[in-house]
Protein backbone atom coordinates (compact mmCIF):
# COMPACT_ATOMS: atom_id res chain seq x y z
CA MET A 1 104.15 71.92 96.71
CA LEU A 2 105.91 67.69 97.81
CA PRO A 3 102.20 66.71 97.44
CA ILE A 4 102.85 67.79 93.24
CA ILE A 5 106.08 66.41 93.62
CA LYS A 6 104.65 62.92 94.67
CA TRP A 7 102.52 62.93 92.82
CA GLU A 8 104.07 63.77 89.17
CA LEU A 9 106.65 60.81 90.40
CA SER A 10 103.54 58.18 91.32
CA GLN A 11 102.34 58.84 87.48
CA ARG A 12 105.84 58.39 86.17
CA LYS A 13 107.49 55.20 87.97
CA MET A 14 106.53 53.12 85.54
CA ALA A 15 108.60 55.85 82.29
CA ILE A 16 111.14 55.57 84.69
CA LEU A 17 111.77 52.15 84.60
CA TRP A 18 111.90 52.06 81.46
CA TRP A 19 113.58 54.35 80.66
CA SER A 20 116.61 53.04 83.45
CA VAL A 21 115.89 49.25 82.07
CA SER A 22 116.81 50.37 78.36
CA ALA A 23 119.96 52.61 79.86
CA VAL A 24 121.42 49.67 81.82
CA VAL A 25 120.89 47.20 78.73
CA LEU A 26 122.86 49.42 76.19
CA VAL A 27 125.53 50.31 78.72
CA THR A 28 125.98 46.70 79.66
CA VAL A 29 126.49 45.48 75.66
CA LEU A 30 128.84 48.85 75.72
CA MET A 31 131.02 47.58 78.43
CA LEU A 32 130.38 44.07 77.88
CA VAL A 33 132.29 44.57 74.58
CA TYR A 34 135.18 46.67 76.71
CA PRO A 35 138.12 43.65 76.65
CA SER A 36 138.09 43.02 73.29
CA ILE A 37 139.33 46.36 72.53
CA ARG A 38 141.64 46.63 74.94
CA ASP A 39 143.62 44.01 73.70
CA GLN A 40 142.99 45.45 70.64
CA ALA A 41 144.61 49.23 71.16
CA GLU A 42 147.11 49.35 69.44
CA GLN A 43 145.40 48.29 65.66
CA LEU A 44 142.46 50.24 66.99
CA ASN A 45 144.08 53.68 67.66
CA LYS A 46 145.89 53.67 64.05
CA VAL A 47 141.90 52.66 62.48
CA LEU A 48 141.14 56.17 64.58
CA ASN A 49 144.35 57.76 64.45
CA GLN A 50 143.84 58.06 60.91
CA LEU A 51 140.33 59.38 60.20
CA PRO A 52 140.02 63.24 60.05
CA SER A 53 140.10 64.66 63.41
CA GLY A 54 136.14 66.25 62.47
CA LEU A 55 135.20 62.40 61.97
CA ARG A 56 137.13 61.23 65.65
CA GLN A 57 135.79 64.68 67.01
CA LEU A 58 131.75 63.38 66.65
CA LYS A 59 132.58 60.56 68.55
CA THR A 60 135.21 60.86 71.33
CA GLY A 61 134.36 65.28 71.54
CA GLY A 62 138.40 65.90 70.75
CA THR A 63 140.15 63.87 73.62
CA ASN A 64 143.81 62.69 72.29
CA VAL A 65 143.44 60.15 75.76
CA ASP A 66 143.76 56.69 74.28
CA VAL A 67 140.68 54.97 73.20
CA ALA A 68 141.25 51.92 74.96
CA SER A 69 141.71 53.46 78.15
CA PRO A 70 139.59 52.84 80.64
CA VAL A 71 138.74 56.79 80.29
CA GLY A 72 139.26 57.38 76.68
CA TYR A 73 136.77 54.20 76.38
CA LEU A 74 134.09 55.92 78.93
CA ASN A 75 134.02 59.26 77.65
CA SER A 76 134.61 58.12 73.68
CA GLN A 77 131.80 54.93 73.44
CA LEU A 78 129.13 56.28 76.85
CA TYR A 79 130.01 59.73 78.40
CA TYR A 80 130.44 61.99 75.49
CA ALA A 81 127.07 60.84 73.41
CA THR A 82 125.96 57.47 73.70
CA LEU A 83 124.49 58.41 78.24
CA PRO A 84 123.66 62.13 76.96
CA ILE A 85 121.71 60.99 73.68
CA VAL A 86 119.71 59.51 76.11
CA LEU A 87 119.17 61.32 78.94
CA ILE A 88 118.71 64.31 76.93
CA ILE A 89 115.42 63.12 75.13
CA LEU A 90 114.44 62.59 78.47
CA ALA A 91 114.82 65.22 79.83
CA ILE A 92 113.70 67.52 76.57
CA GLN A 93 109.84 65.46 76.69
CA ARG A 94 109.65 66.04 80.85
CA GLY A 95 111.06 69.60 80.63
CA SER A 96 108.27 69.97 77.65
CA GLY A 97 105.10 67.90 79.22
CA LEU A 98 105.28 68.97 82.50
CA ILE A 99 103.43 72.02 82.85
CA GLY A 100 102.39 71.34 78.82
CA LYS A 101 100.17 68.07 78.70
CA ASP A 102 98.26 69.51 82.24
CA GLU A 103 98.08 72.44 79.83
CA GLN A 104 96.88 69.80 76.70
CA ASP A 105 94.69 67.63 78.55
CA HIS A 106 93.16 70.75 80.68
CA THR A 107 94.21 69.99 83.92
CA ILE A 108 96.36 72.45 85.26
CA GLU A 109 92.90 74.80 86.02
CA LEU A 110 91.68 72.12 88.39
CA LEU A 111 95.56 72.45 89.86
CA LEU A 112 95.86 76.08 90.43
CA ALA A 113 91.98 75.99 91.31
CA ARG A 114 93.68 74.31 95.24
CA PRO A 115 94.64 76.66 96.99
CA VAL A 116 98.69 76.28 95.19
CA ARG A 117 100.50 79.92 93.95
CA ARG A 118 102.21 79.27 90.56
CA SER A 119 104.75 79.29 91.51
CA VAL A 120 105.18 76.66 93.83
CA LEU A 121 103.73 74.33 91.15
CA LEU A 122 106.10 75.49 88.84
CA LEU A 123 108.78 74.80 91.30
CA GLY A 124 107.16 71.15 92.54
CA LYS A 125 106.06 70.61 88.30
CA ALA A 126 110.68 71.26 87.82
CA ILE A 127 111.58 69.44 91.13
CA SER A 128 110.24 66.45 90.23
CA GLY A 129 111.90 66.32 86.59
CA LEU A 130 114.77 66.71 87.85
CA LEU A 131 114.28 63.74 90.25
CA GLU A 132 113.14 61.84 87.39
CA VAL A 133 116.33 62.05 84.86
CA LEU A 134 118.03 61.62 88.42
CA ALA A 135 117.57 58.77 89.25
CA VAL A 136 117.54 57.39 85.36
CA THR A 137 121.84 58.20 85.32
CA ALA A 138 121.29 57.10 89.15
CA VAL A 139 120.79 53.97 88.19
CA VAL A 140 122.61 53.47 84.90
CA THR A 141 126.17 55.14 86.57
CA LEU A 142 125.17 51.82 89.24
CA ALA A 143 125.90 49.79 86.40
CA ILE A 144 128.82 51.24 84.78
CA LEU A 145 130.85 50.98 87.91
CA GLY A 146 129.67 47.99 88.78
CA LEU A 147 130.53 46.53 85.54
CA ALA A 148 133.57 48.47 85.51
CA LYS A 149 134.75 45.91 88.61
CA LEU A 150 133.69 43.18 86.33
CA VAL A 151 135.06 44.01 83.17
CA LYS A 152 138.56 45.16 85.25
CA MET A 153 138.57 48.37 83.85
CA ASP A 154 140.79 50.15 86.29
CA ILE A 155 138.84 53.17 86.54
CA GLY A 156 138.29 55.61 90.50
CA THR A 157 135.41 55.29 91.81
CA SER A 158 135.23 58.80 92.62
CA ARG A 159 135.58 59.99 89.11
CA VAL A 160 133.11 57.70 87.93
CA LEU A 161 130.95 59.27 90.05
CA ILE A 162 131.50 63.42 88.88
CA THR A 163 130.98 62.85 85.79
CA SER A 164 127.93 61.30 86.02
CA LEU A 165 127.13 63.97 88.11
CA TYR A 166 128.29 66.36 85.31
CA THR A 167 126.45 64.51 82.64
CA PHE A 168 122.84 64.73 84.12
CA ALA A 169 123.46 68.48 84.86
CA PHE A 170 124.45 68.55 81.21
CA CYS A 171 121.31 67.18 80.24
CA ALA A 172 119.07 68.31 82.39
CA SER A 173 120.29 72.12 80.75
CA PHE A 174 118.00 70.73 77.67
CA GLY A 175 114.92 70.23 79.75
CA ALA A 176 115.00 72.94 81.74
CA ILE A 177 115.73 75.40 78.54
CA ALA A 178 112.32 73.32 77.32
CA PHE A 179 110.41 73.75 80.72
CA ALA A 180 110.92 77.48 80.88
CA LEU A 181 110.16 77.61 77.36
CA THR A 182 106.67 76.29 78.15
CA ALA A 183 106.00 77.96 80.96
CA ALA A 184 106.98 81.37 79.51
CA ASP A 185 105.12 81.46 76.51
CA ARG A 186 101.90 80.77 74.28
CA LEU A 187 104.05 80.63 71.48
CA THR A 188 107.36 80.00 72.90
CA LYS A 189 105.60 77.26 74.09
CA ARG A 190 105.08 75.60 70.94
CA ALA A 191 108.55 75.88 69.81
CA SER A 192 109.91 74.11 72.55
CA THR A 193 110.49 71.27 72.01
CA ALA A 194 112.62 72.07 69.05
CA ILE A 195 114.50 74.98 69.87
CA ALA A 196 115.92 72.05 73.19
CA ILE A 197 117.04 69.25 70.56
CA LEU A 198 118.27 72.37 68.16
CA LEU A 199 120.36 73.56 71.08
CA SER A 200 121.97 70.38 72.51
CA PHE A 201 121.79 68.61 68.98
CA GLY A 202 123.02 70.55 66.89
CA GLY A 203 125.22 71.75 69.02
CA TYR A 204 126.93 68.36 69.40
CA ILE A 205 127.36 68.58 65.61
CA LEU A 206 129.05 71.86 65.29
CA ALA A 207 131.10 71.67 68.40
CA SER A 208 132.61 67.37 66.77
CA LEU A 209 132.67 69.36 63.24
CA GLN A 210 134.73 72.61 64.45
CA ASN A 211 137.91 70.70 63.29
CA LEU A 212 136.75 71.02 59.48
CA SER A 213 136.72 73.83 59.72
CA HIS A 214 138.21 77.18 60.89
CA TYR A 215 134.84 78.40 60.19
CA MET A 216 133.00 76.83 62.10
CA LYS A 217 135.18 77.45 65.58
CA THR A 218 133.69 80.94 66.41
CA PRO A 219 129.75 79.73 66.08
CA ALA A 220 130.79 76.00 68.90
CA LYS A 221 131.96 78.17 70.73
CA PHE A 222 128.30 79.22 72.00
CA ALA A 223 127.07 75.76 71.09
CA PRO A 224 126.33 74.43 74.58
CA TYR A 225 128.27 71.16 73.83
CA HIS A 226 131.40 72.24 73.24
CA TYR A 227 131.67 72.64 77.22
CA PHE A 228 131.16 69.22 78.01
CA VAL A 229 134.47 67.28 78.01
CA PRO A 230 133.62 64.34 80.10
CA ASP A 231 137.12 63.63 79.40
CA LYS A 232 138.37 65.76 81.40
CA THR A 233 136.25 65.38 84.22
CA LEU A 234 137.33 61.34 84.54
CA GLN A 235 140.87 62.91 85.24
CA GLY A 236 140.12 64.35 87.61
CA GLN A 237 140.57 68.15 86.03
CA GLY A 238 138.55 71.11 86.47
CA VAL A 239 135.77 72.53 84.04
CA THR A 240 135.33 75.83 84.23
CA GLY A 241 133.65 76.18 80.79
CA LEU A 242 131.04 73.84 81.79
CA ASN A 243 130.26 75.42 85.68
CA ILE A 244 129.73 78.79 83.95
CA TYR A 245 127.10 77.18 81.16
CA LEU A 246 125.19 75.21 83.76
CA ILE A 247 124.98 78.49 86.18
CA GLY A 248 124.30 80.34 83.41
CA ILE A 249 121.98 78.81 82.05
CA PHE A 250 119.87 77.59 84.79
CA ILE A 251 119.48 81.23 86.61
CA ILE A 252 118.15 82.36 83.44
CA THR A 253 115.76 79.32 82.87
CA ILE A 254 114.96 79.99 86.84
CA VAL A 255 114.33 83.98 85.78
CA LEU A 256 112.39 83.21 82.44
CA ALA A 257 110.13 80.29 83.73
CA TYR A 258 109.50 82.14 87.11
CA THR A 259 108.53 85.89 85.94
CA SER A 260 106.75 84.48 82.66
CA PHE A 261 104.43 81.95 84.41
CA ARG A 262 103.41 83.26 87.42
CA SER A 263 101.27 86.28 85.19
CA ARG A 264 100.41 84.31 81.91
CA ASP A 265 97.24 83.47 80.31
CA ILE A 266 96.32 79.42 81.13
CA GLU A 267 95.39 78.03 77.83
């Protein structure tokens, strides 16, 4: 399994570098804006409070924390939308391509012709995909911590690390969905990316706009984004709903991928 992981990561090292650089540039721009936002906190909060609750939640996740405070700013500008969008795109892309690209290029037969079990191949591919998303997350987190000191943002290092870890796990869950569907069956393989995008970004819109109508509150509870609350982890609070979702989705995707891929025909 280790050679599989090393091979996958060696093939993706330039992609990891560019994803990391791009994400750090984006984070740097947003963090350097913070001092001016902090200095205009009163006017900014007044403007945001005048927005409809649904539109305000689309960006902030519905938090009542002052958006010019360190927690409010990191939540609204980085952790609730911007950083997850980057990591979700990366996770879904890798999740659907880890097995799918080898099948498309007809190289998976060469891998399976070697003395390696399908379950080992599947696990090695999955771990390499997770490590790629984790590497980008780690680089971005280090950038956030360094820039927070630069702009004099008073936020606990441990809380930023925990929030980044949850963000990684949350975004990786959509990659896991795409990976499991790609490995499961020919039909689900073709729809894996679309389904993962619908659950992630469709769920983001549904969860963010649930306050616009009471009819949306119940469906929103089935959207993963409903349980993604980085403002709570930034404040050191528990996130039981998110823990349940993450444990459940990773168990389901592991079981689905393992039981399906080991017996299905390879295209």
